[in-house]
Amino acid sequence: MDEKNNRRNDGQLQLELPQEVAMGEYANFAIITHSSSDFIVDFARVMPGLPKAQVRSRVILAPGIVPPFNIPKGEA
């Protein structure tokens, strides 16, 4: 995909939301792990009475976008 075609004339980025992503994925549990180069957020669905949960989605974030999430510095 051409980067020029993905930006409007006013310089703002246009995002595409594919139908299969737009439906979302339900999660009632999230865990954050990190290294010096990235943050990993795993989302899972925990069911009552079951000792195991399957990760339904994983998001890997660059450290530069994590501060807006308000994670205290001592924990990052």
C-alpha atoms as a PDB file:
ATOM      1  CA  MET A   1       0.000   0.000   0.000  1.00  0.00           C
ATOM      2  CA  ASP A   2       1.365   3.363  -0.989  1.00  0.00           C
ATOM      3  CA  GLU A   3       1.966   5.607   2.048  1.00  0.00           C
ATOM      4  CA  LYS A   4       0.867   8.673   0.068  1.00  0.00           C
ATOM      5  CA  ASN A   5      -2.526   7.079  -0.562  1.00  0.00           C
ATOM      6  CA  ASN A   6      -2.952   6.357   3.155  1.00  0.00           C
ATOM      7  CA  ARG A   7      -2.668  10.053   4.173  1.00  0.00           C
ATOM      8  CA  ARG A   8      -5.183  12.795   3.544  1.00  0.00           C
ATOM      9  CA  ASN A   9      -4.145  16.138   2.103  1.00  0.00           C
ATOM     10  CA  ASP A  10      -4.187  17.775   5.553  1.00  0.00           C
ATOM     11  CA  GLY A  11      -1.433  15.429   6.792  1.00  0.00           C
ATOM     12  CA  GLN A  12      -3.641  13.297   9.054  1.00  0.00           C
ATOM     13  CA  LEU A  13      -3.345   9.539   8.945  1.00  0.00           C
ATOM     14  CA  GLN A  14      -6.387   7.602   7.735  1.00  0.00           C
ATOM     15  CA  LEU A  15      -6.904   4.258   9.442  1.00  0.00           C
ATOM     16  CA  GLU A  16      -8.594   1.295   7.836  1.00  0.00           C
ATOM     17  CA  LEU A  17     -10.656  -0.970  10.096  1.00  0.00           C
ATOM     18  CA  PRO A  18     -11.192  -4.370   8.456  1.00  0.00           C
ATOM     19  CA  GLN A  19     -14.558  -6.006   9.200  1.00  0.00           C
ATOM     20  CA  GLU A  20     -12.999  -8.953  11.059  1.00  0.00           C
ATOM     21  CA  VAL A  21     -11.101  -6.567  13.366  1.00  0.00           C
ATOM     22  CA  ALA A  22     -14.060  -4.210  13.848  1.00  0.00           C
ATOM     23  CA  MET A  23     -15.999  -6.928  15.641  1.00  0.00           C
ATOM     24  CA  GLY A  24     -13.383  -6.914  18.397  1.00  0.00           C
ATOM     25  CA  GLU A  25     -12.388  -9.712  20.739  1.00  0.00           C
ATOM     26  CA  TYR A  26     -13.799 -10.030  24.265  1.00  0.00           C
ATOM     27  CA  ALA A  27     -11.219 -10.231  27.052  1.00  0.00           C
ATOM     28  CA  ASN A  28     -11.638 -10.061  30.815  1.00  0.00           C
ATOM     29  CA  PHE A  29      -7.952 -10.429  31.666  1.00  0.00           C
ATOM     30  CA  ALA A  30      -4.827  -8.630  30.476  1.00  0.00           C
ATOM     31  CA  ILE A  31      -1.184  -8.953  31.433  1.00  0.00           C
ATOM     32  CA  ILE A  32       1.614  -6.563  30.498  1.00  0.00           C
ATOM     33  CA  THR A  33       5.239  -7.629  30.108  1.00  0.00           C
ATOM     34  CA  HIS A  34       8.077  -5.473  28.893  1.00  0.00           C
ATOM     35  CA  SER A  35      11.705  -5.218  27.934  1.00  0.00           C
ATOM     36  CA  SER A  36      13.827  -2.202  27.105  1.00  0.00           C
ATOM     37  CA  SER A  37      12.660  -2.378  23.484  1.00  0.00           C
ATOM     38  CA  ASP A  38       8.912  -3.064  23.719  1.00  0.00           C
ATOM     39  CA  PHE A  39       5.795  -3.623  25.808  1.00  0.00           C
ATOM     40  CA  ILE A  40       3.653  -6.703  25.217  1.00  0.00           C
ATOM     41  CA  VAL A  41       0.004  -6.758  26.245  1.00  0.00           C
ATOM     42  CA  ASP A  42      -1.709 -10.161  26.187  1.00  0.00           C
ATOM     43  CA  PHE A  43      -5.507 -10.267  26.387  1.00  0.00           C
ATOM     44  CA  ALA A  44      -7.285 -13.435  27.509  1.00  0.00           C
ATOM     45  CA  ARG A  45     -10.729 -14.718  28.335  1.00  0.00           C
ATOM     46  CA  VAL A  46     -10.862 -16.343  31.778  1.00  0.00           C
ATOM     47  CA  MET A  47     -13.812 -18.653  32.382  1.00  0.00           C
ATOM     48  CA  PRO A  48     -15.022 -19.398  35.922  1.00  0.00           C
ATOM     49  CA  GLY A  49     -13.989 -22.811  37.180  1.00  0.00           C
ATOM     50  CA  LEU A  50     -11.364 -23.393  34.494  1.00  0.00           C
ATOM     51  CA  PRO A  51      -7.712 -23.351  35.576  1.00  0.00           C
ATOM     52  CA  LYS A  52      -6.466 -22.270  32.152  1.00  0.00           C
ATOM     53  CA  ALA A  53      -7.040 -19.248  29.897  1.00  0.00           C
ATOM     54  CA  GLN A  54      -6.099 -18.859  26.257  1.00  0.00           C
ATOM     55  CA  VAL A  55      -4.560 -15.628  24.989  1.00  0.00           C
ATOM     56  CA  ARG A  56      -6.983 -14.224  22.416  1.00  0.00           C
ATOM     57  CA  SER A  57      -4.928 -11.250  21.268  1.00  0.00           C
ATOM     58  CA  ARG A  58      -1.405  -9.893  21.689  1.00  0.00           C
ATOM     59  CA  VAL A  59      -0.424  -6.274  21.110  1.00  0.00           C
ATOM     60  CA  ILE A  60       3.247  -5.300  20.938  1.00  0.00           C
ATOM     61  CA  LEU A  61       3.888  -1.611  21.595  1.00  0.00           C
ATOM     62  CA  ALA A  62       6.949   0.540  21.036  1.00  0.00           C
ATOM     63  CA  PRO A  63       8.027   2.279  24.270  1.00  0.00           C
ATOM     64  CA  GLY A  64       7.396   5.681  22.705  1.00  0.00           C
ATOM     65  CA  ILE A  65       3.612   5.219  22.686  1.00  0.00           C
ATOM     66  CA  VAL A  66       3.295   3.752  26.183  1.00  0.00           C
ATOM     67  CA  PRO A  67       3.396   7.025  28.217  1.00  0.00           C
ATOM     68  CA  PRO A  68      -0.153   8.011  27.141  1.00  0.00           C
ATOM     69  CA  PHE A  69      -1.353   4.849  28.916  1.00  0.00           C
ATOM     70  CA  ASN A  70      -0.253   6.367  32.245  1.00  0.00           C
ATOM     71  CA  ILE A  71       1.928   3.480  33.457  1.00  0.00           C
ATOM     72  CA  PRO A  72       3.936   4.640  36.516  1.00  0.00           C
ATOM     73  CA  LYS A  73       7.659   4.864  35.729  1.00  0.00           C
ATOM     74  CA  GLY A  74       8.635   2.493  38.552  1.00  0.00           C
ATOM     75  CA  GLU A  75       6.487  -0.224  36.995  1.00  0.00           C
ATOM     76  CA  ALA A  76       7.582   0.190  33.388  1.00  0.00           C
END
